[in-house]
């Protein structure tokens, strides 16, 4: 069961329900690579703590918003894939260790 963590070299701010993410390299923000997450994306972002599974994130989205589990799972998976491709998150090291022992 994969769990994801946010990379440490990011600056994030929540403004009016949206999350702004700025990658930081060499102590300087990369202003050409600013990411904005809407309200639902912000909820998902907050749950990417290295301990919360994708299924737990899907359940949290379903409990906060009127959305079917299948749609929530698809949306959560798509956002996580996008965040991973953008280099903003990674599979949690603890998640990797659990997968190897399963």
N, C-alpha and C. Protein backbone atom coordinates (compact mmCIF):
# COMPACT_ATOMS: atom_id res chain seq x y z
N UNK A 1 0.84 -1.18 0.00
CA UNK A 1 0.00 0.00 0.00
C UNK A 1 0.89 1.24 0.00
N UNK A 2 0.86 1.98 -1.10
CA UNK A 2 1.72 3.16 -1.23
C UNK A 2 1.19 4.32 -0.41
N UNK A 3 2.15 5.02 0.16
CA UNK A 3 1.88 6.27 0.86
C UNK A 3 2.87 7.28 0.33
N UNK A 4 2.44 8.51 0.20
CA UNK A 4 3.27 9.54 -0.41
C UNK A 4 3.60 10.63 0.59
N UNK A 5 4.78 11.23 0.38
CA UNK A 5 5.25 12.36 1.19
C UNK A 5 5.56 13.52 0.26
N UNK A 6 5.41 14.72 0.80
CA UNK A 6 5.79 15.92 0.05
C UNK A 6 7.30 16.05 0.09
N UNK A 7 7.88 16.53 -0.98
CA UNK A 7 9.32 16.81 -0.98
C UNK A 7 9.57 17.95 -0.01
N UNK A 8 10.76 18.00 0.53
CA UNK A 8 11.08 19.00 1.55
C UNK A 8 11.44 20.37 0.97
N UNK A 9 11.86 20.41 -0.28
CA UNK A 9 12.32 21.66 -0.87
C UNK A 9 11.19 22.41 -1.58
N UNK A 10 10.09 22.60 -0.83
CA UNK A 10 8.91 23.29 -1.35
C UNK A 10 8.45 24.36 -0.36
N UNK A 11 7.90 25.41 -0.88
CA UNK A 11 7.23 26.41 -0.06
C UNK A 11 5.76 26.34 -0.44
N UNK A 12 4.89 26.21 0.55
CA UNK A 12 3.46 26.15 0.27
C UNK A 12 2.73 27.19 1.09
N UNK A 13 1.66 27.71 0.51
CA UNK A 13 0.79 28.66 1.19
C UNK A 13 -0.64 28.34 0.82
N UNK A 14 -1.52 28.41 1.80
CA UNK A 14 -2.94 28.23 1.55
C UNK A 14 -3.58 29.61 1.52
N UNK A 15 -4.20 29.94 0.39
CA UNK A 15 -4.82 31.25 0.22
C UNK A 15 -6.24 31.03 -0.28
N UNK A 16 -7.21 31.42 0.53
CA UNK A 16 -8.63 31.32 0.16
C UNK A 16 -9.01 29.91 -0.29
N UNK A 17 -8.53 28.89 0.40
CA UNK A 17 -8.89 27.52 0.09
C UNK A 17 -8.05 26.87 -0.99
N UNK A 18 -7.19 27.63 -1.65
CA UNK A 18 -6.30 27.06 -2.65
C UNK A 18 -4.89 26.97 -2.09
N UNK A 19 -4.14 25.99 -2.53
CA UNK A 19 -2.76 25.82 -2.09
C UNK A 19 -1.83 26.21 -3.23
N UNK A 20 -0.89 27.08 -2.93
CA UNK A 20 0.15 27.50 -3.87
C UNK A 20 1.42 26.76 -3.49
N UNK A 21 2.06 26.10 -4.46
CA UNK A 21 3.28 25.33 -4.21
C UNK A 21 4.40 25.90 -5.07
N UNK A 22 5.52 26.24 -4.43
CA UNK A 22 6.68 26.76 -5.14
C UNK A 22 7.89 25.88 -4.81
N UNK A 23 8.45 25.19 -5.80
CA UNK A 23 9.69 24.44 -5.57
C UNK A 23 10.84 25.40 -5.27
N UNK A 24 11.71 25.00 -4.36
CA UNK A 24 12.85 25.83 -3.98
C UNK A 24 14.13 25.06 -4.28
N UNK A 25 15.00 25.71 -5.06
CA UNK A 25 16.30 25.11 -5.37
C UNK A 25 17.38 26.11 -5.01
N UNK A 26 18.35 25.66 -4.24
CA UNK A 26 19.43 26.56 -3.85
C UNK A 26 18.93 27.76 -3.08
N UNK A 27 17.95 27.56 -2.23
CA UNK A 27 17.35 28.61 -1.38
C UNK A 27 16.63 29.69 -2.17
N UNK A 28 16.30 29.41 -3.44
CA UNK A 28 15.59 30.37 -4.28
C UNK A 28 14.34 29.70 -4.84
N UNK A 29 13.20 30.37 -4.76
CA UNK A 29 11.97 29.82 -5.31
C UNK A 29 11.99 29.83 -6.82
N UNK A 30 11.55 28.74 -7.42
CA UNK A 30 11.48 28.63 -8.87
C UNK A 30 10.13 29.19 -9.32
N UNK A 31 10.09 30.48 -9.58
CA UNK A 31 8.83 31.15 -9.90
C UNK A 31 8.26 30.74 -11.25
N UNK A 32 9.06 30.06 -12.07
CA UNK A 32 8.54 29.54 -13.34
C UNK A 32 7.78 28.23 -13.14
N UNK A 33 7.86 27.67 -11.95
CA UNK A 33 7.21 26.38 -11.67
C UNK A 33 6.31 26.50 -10.44
N UNK A 34 5.35 27.38 -10.50
CA UNK A 34 4.40 27.54 -9.41
C UNK A 34 3.19 26.68 -9.70
N UNK A 35 2.74 25.94 -8.71
CA UNK A 35 1.59 25.05 -8.86
C UNK A 35 0.47 25.55 -7.95
N UNK A 36 -0.76 25.48 -8.44
CA UNK A 36 -1.92 25.89 -7.67
C UNK A 36 -2.90 24.73 -7.60
N UNK A 37 -3.35 24.41 -6.38
CA UNK A 37 -4.33 23.35 -6.18
C UNK A 37 -5.64 23.97 -5.71
N UNK A 38 -6.75 23.48 -6.26
CA UNK A 38 -8.06 23.96 -5.82
C UNK A 38 -8.38 23.39 -4.43
N UNK A 39 -9.58 23.61 -3.97
CA UNK A 39 -9.97 23.19 -2.62
C UNK A 39 -9.81 21.69 -2.41
N UNK A 40 -10.29 20.89 -3.35
CA UNK A 40 -10.18 19.43 -3.22
C UNK A 40 -8.71 19.01 -3.30
N UNK A 41 -7.98 19.59 -4.24
CA UNK A 41 -6.55 19.30 -4.34
C UNK A 41 -5.81 19.66 -3.07
N UNK A 42 -6.22 20.74 -2.42
CA UNK A 42 -5.60 21.17 -1.16
C UNK A 42 -5.84 20.15 -0.05
N UNK A 43 -7.04 19.58 -0.01
CA UNK A 43 -7.33 18.54 0.98
C UNK A 43 -6.42 17.34 0.74
N UNK A 44 -6.31 16.92 -0.50
CA UNK A 44 -5.45 15.79 -0.85
C UNK A 44 -4.00 16.10 -0.48
N UNK A 45 -3.54 17.30 -0.81
CA UNK A 45 -2.17 17.72 -0.51
C UNK A 45 -1.88 17.61 0.99
N UNK A 46 -2.80 18.07 1.81
CA UNK A 46 -2.60 18.02 3.26
C UNK A 46 -2.48 16.59 3.78
N UNK A 47 -3.12 15.65 3.10
CA UNK A 47 -3.09 14.26 3.54
C UNK A 47 -1.89 13.48 3.02
N UNK A 48 -1.08 14.09 2.18
CA UNK A 48 0.14 13.44 1.68
C UNK A 48 1.25 13.62 2.72
N UNK A 49 1.12 12.85 3.79
CA UNK A 49 2.01 13.01 4.94
C UNK A 49 2.94 11.82 5.17
N UNK A 50 2.95 10.87 4.24
CA UNK A 50 3.82 9.70 4.39
C UNK A 50 3.21 8.60 5.22
N UNK A 51 2.04 8.85 5.82
CA UNK A 51 1.38 7.84 6.65
C UNK A 51 -0.02 7.49 6.17
N UNK A 52 -0.63 8.38 5.40
CA UNK A 52 -2.01 8.20 4.95
C UNK A 52 -2.03 7.51 3.59
N UNK A 53 -2.77 6.41 3.51
CA UNK A 53 -2.84 5.65 2.26
C UNK A 53 -3.76 6.34 1.26
N UNK A 54 -3.65 5.94 0.02
CA UNK A 54 -4.52 6.48 -1.03
C UNK A 54 -5.98 6.19 -0.68
N UNK A 55 -6.26 4.99 -0.18
CA UNK A 55 -7.65 4.65 0.18
C UNK A 55 -8.16 5.56 1.30
N UNK A 56 -7.32 5.90 2.25
CA UNK A 56 -7.73 6.83 3.31
C UNK A 56 -7.99 8.23 2.75
N UNK A 57 -7.18 8.64 1.78
CA UNK A 57 -7.38 9.94 1.14
C UNK A 57 -8.70 9.94 0.38
N UNK A 58 -8.97 8.86 -0.35
CA UNK A 58 -10.23 8.74 -1.09
C UNK A 58 -11.41 8.82 -0.12
N UNK A 59 -11.32 8.12 1.00
CA UNK A 59 -12.40 8.15 2.00
C UNK A 59 -12.59 9.56 2.55
N UNK A 60 -11.50 10.28 2.78
CA UNK A 60 -11.60 11.65 3.29
C UNK A 60 -12.27 12.56 2.28
N UNK A 61 -11.93 12.41 1.01
CA UNK A 61 -12.56 13.22 -0.04
C UNK A 61 -14.05 12.91 -0.11
N UNK A 62 -14.40 11.63 -0.06
CA UNK A 62 -15.82 11.24 -0.11
C UNK A 62 -16.60 11.78 1.08
N UNK A 63 -15.96 11.83 2.26
CA UNK A 63 -16.67 12.31 3.44
C UNK A 63 -16.86 13.83 3.44
N UNK A 64 -15.97 14.55 2.77
CA UNK A 64 -16.06 16.02 2.74
C UNK A 64 -16.88 16.55 1.59
N UNK A 65 -16.94 15.78 0.50
CA UNK A 65 -17.61 16.24 -0.71
C UNK A 65 -18.59 15.17 -1.19
N UNK A 66 -19.60 15.59 -1.88
CA UNK A 66 -20.57 14.64 -2.42
C UNK A 66 -20.03 14.07 -3.73
N UNK A 67 -19.28 13.00 -3.60
CA UNK A 67 -18.64 12.38 -4.76
C UNK A 67 -18.64 10.86 -4.55
N UNK A 68 -18.85 10.13 -5.63
CA UNK A 68 -18.81 8.67 -5.57
C UNK A 68 -17.38 8.20 -5.35
N UNK A 69 -17.21 7.09 -4.62
CA UNK A 69 -15.86 6.59 -4.35
C UNK A 69 -15.03 6.35 -5.62
N UNK A 70 -15.66 5.85 -6.69
CA UNK A 70 -14.92 5.59 -7.93
C UNK A 70 -14.38 6.89 -8.52
N UNK A 71 -15.21 7.93 -8.51
CA UNK A 71 -14.78 9.22 -9.04
C UNK A 71 -13.69 9.83 -8.16
N UNK A 72 -13.87 9.73 -6.85
CA UNK A 72 -12.86 10.26 -5.93
C UNK A 72 -11.53 9.54 -6.12
N UNK A 73 -11.57 8.21 -6.25
CA UNK A 73 -10.35 7.43 -6.44
C UNK A 73 -9.64 7.84 -7.73
N UNK A 74 -10.41 8.03 -8.80
CA UNK A 74 -9.83 8.44 -10.08
C UNK A 74 -9.18 9.82 -9.95
N UNK A 75 -9.89 10.75 -9.31
CA UNK A 75 -9.37 12.11 -9.16
C UNK A 75 -8.13 12.14 -8.27
N UNK A 76 -8.17 11.40 -7.16
CA UNK A 76 -7.02 11.34 -6.24
C UNK A 76 -5.82 10.74 -6.96
N UNK A 77 -6.03 9.65 -7.67
CA UNK A 77 -4.94 8.99 -8.39
C UNK A 77 -4.34 9.90 -9.45
N UNK A 78 -5.20 10.59 -10.21
CA UNK A 78 -4.71 11.51 -11.24
C UNK A 78 -3.87 12.63 -10.64
N UNK A 79 -4.35 13.21 -9.53
CA UNK A 79 -3.59 14.30 -8.91
C UNK A 79 -2.26 13.79 -8.36
N UNK A 80 -2.27 12.65 -7.70
CA UNK A 80 -1.03 12.10 -7.16
C UNK A 80 -0.05 11.81 -8.29
N UNK A 81 -0.52 11.24 -9.38
CA UNK A 81 0.36 10.99 -10.52
C UNK A 81 0.97 12.29 -11.04
N UNK A 82 0.14 13.33 -11.16
CA UNK A 82 0.63 14.63 -11.64
C UNK A 82 1.65 15.24 -10.68
N UNK A 83 1.37 15.16 -9.40
CA UNK A 83 2.30 15.71 -8.40
C UNK A 83 3.62 14.95 -8.41
N UNK A 84 3.55 13.63 -8.59
CA UNK A 84 4.77 12.82 -8.63
C UNK A 84 5.58 13.15 -9.89
N UNK A 85 4.92 13.28 -11.03
CA UNK A 85 5.62 13.62 -12.28
C UNK A 85 6.25 15.00 -12.20
N UNK A 86 5.61 15.92 -11.47
CA UNK A 86 6.14 17.28 -11.32
C UNK A 86 7.28 17.32 -10.30
N UNK A 87 7.54 16.20 -9.61
CA UNK A 87 8.62 16.15 -8.63
C UNK A 87 8.27 16.80 -7.30
N UNK A 88 6.98 16.91 -6.99
CA UNK A 88 6.57 17.56 -5.75
C UNK A 88 6.36 16.58 -4.61
N UNK A 89 6.15 15.30 -4.95
CA UNK A 89 5.96 14.26 -3.93
C UNK A 89 6.76 13.03 -4.33
N UNK A 90 6.89 12.12 -3.38
CA UNK A 90 7.56 10.84 -3.64
C UNK A 90 6.93 9.78 -2.75
N UNK A 91 7.15 8.52 -3.12
CA UNK A 91 6.66 7.43 -2.29
C UNK A 91 7.40 7.49 -0.96
N UNK A 92 6.65 7.41 0.12
CA UNK A 92 7.24 7.49 1.45
C UNK A 92 8.21 6.33 1.68
N UNK A 93 9.38 6.61 2.27
CA UNK A 93 10.33 5.52 2.55
C UNK A 93 9.72 4.43 3.42
N UNK A 94 8.88 4.80 4.37
CA UNK A 94 8.23 3.80 5.22
C UNK A 94 7.30 2.92 4.39
N UNK A 95 6.66 3.48 3.39
CA UNK A 95 5.78 2.73 2.49
C UNK A 95 6.59 1.71 1.71
N UNK A 96 7.76 2.09 1.22
CA UNK A 96 8.63 1.17 0.48
C UNK A 96 9.04 0.00 1.35
N UNK A 97 9.38 0.26 2.62
CA UNK A 97 9.82 -0.81 3.52
C UNK A 97 8.68 -1.79 3.77
N UNK A 98 7.46 -1.28 3.96
CA UNK A 98 6.32 -2.15 4.20
C UNK A 98 6.04 -3.01 2.97
N UNK A 99 6.16 -2.43 1.78
CA UNK A 99 5.89 -3.18 0.55
C UNK A 99 6.89 -4.32 0.37
N UNK A 100 8.13 -4.11 0.77
CA UNK A 100 9.15 -5.13 0.60
C UNK A 100 8.95 -6.29 1.56
N UNK A 101 8.33 -6.04 2.72
CA UNK A 101 8.13 -7.10 3.70
C UNK A 101 6.82 -7.84 3.49
N UNK A 102 5.93 -7.28 2.65
CA UNK A 102 4.62 -7.92 2.41
C UNK A 102 4.76 -9.14 1.53
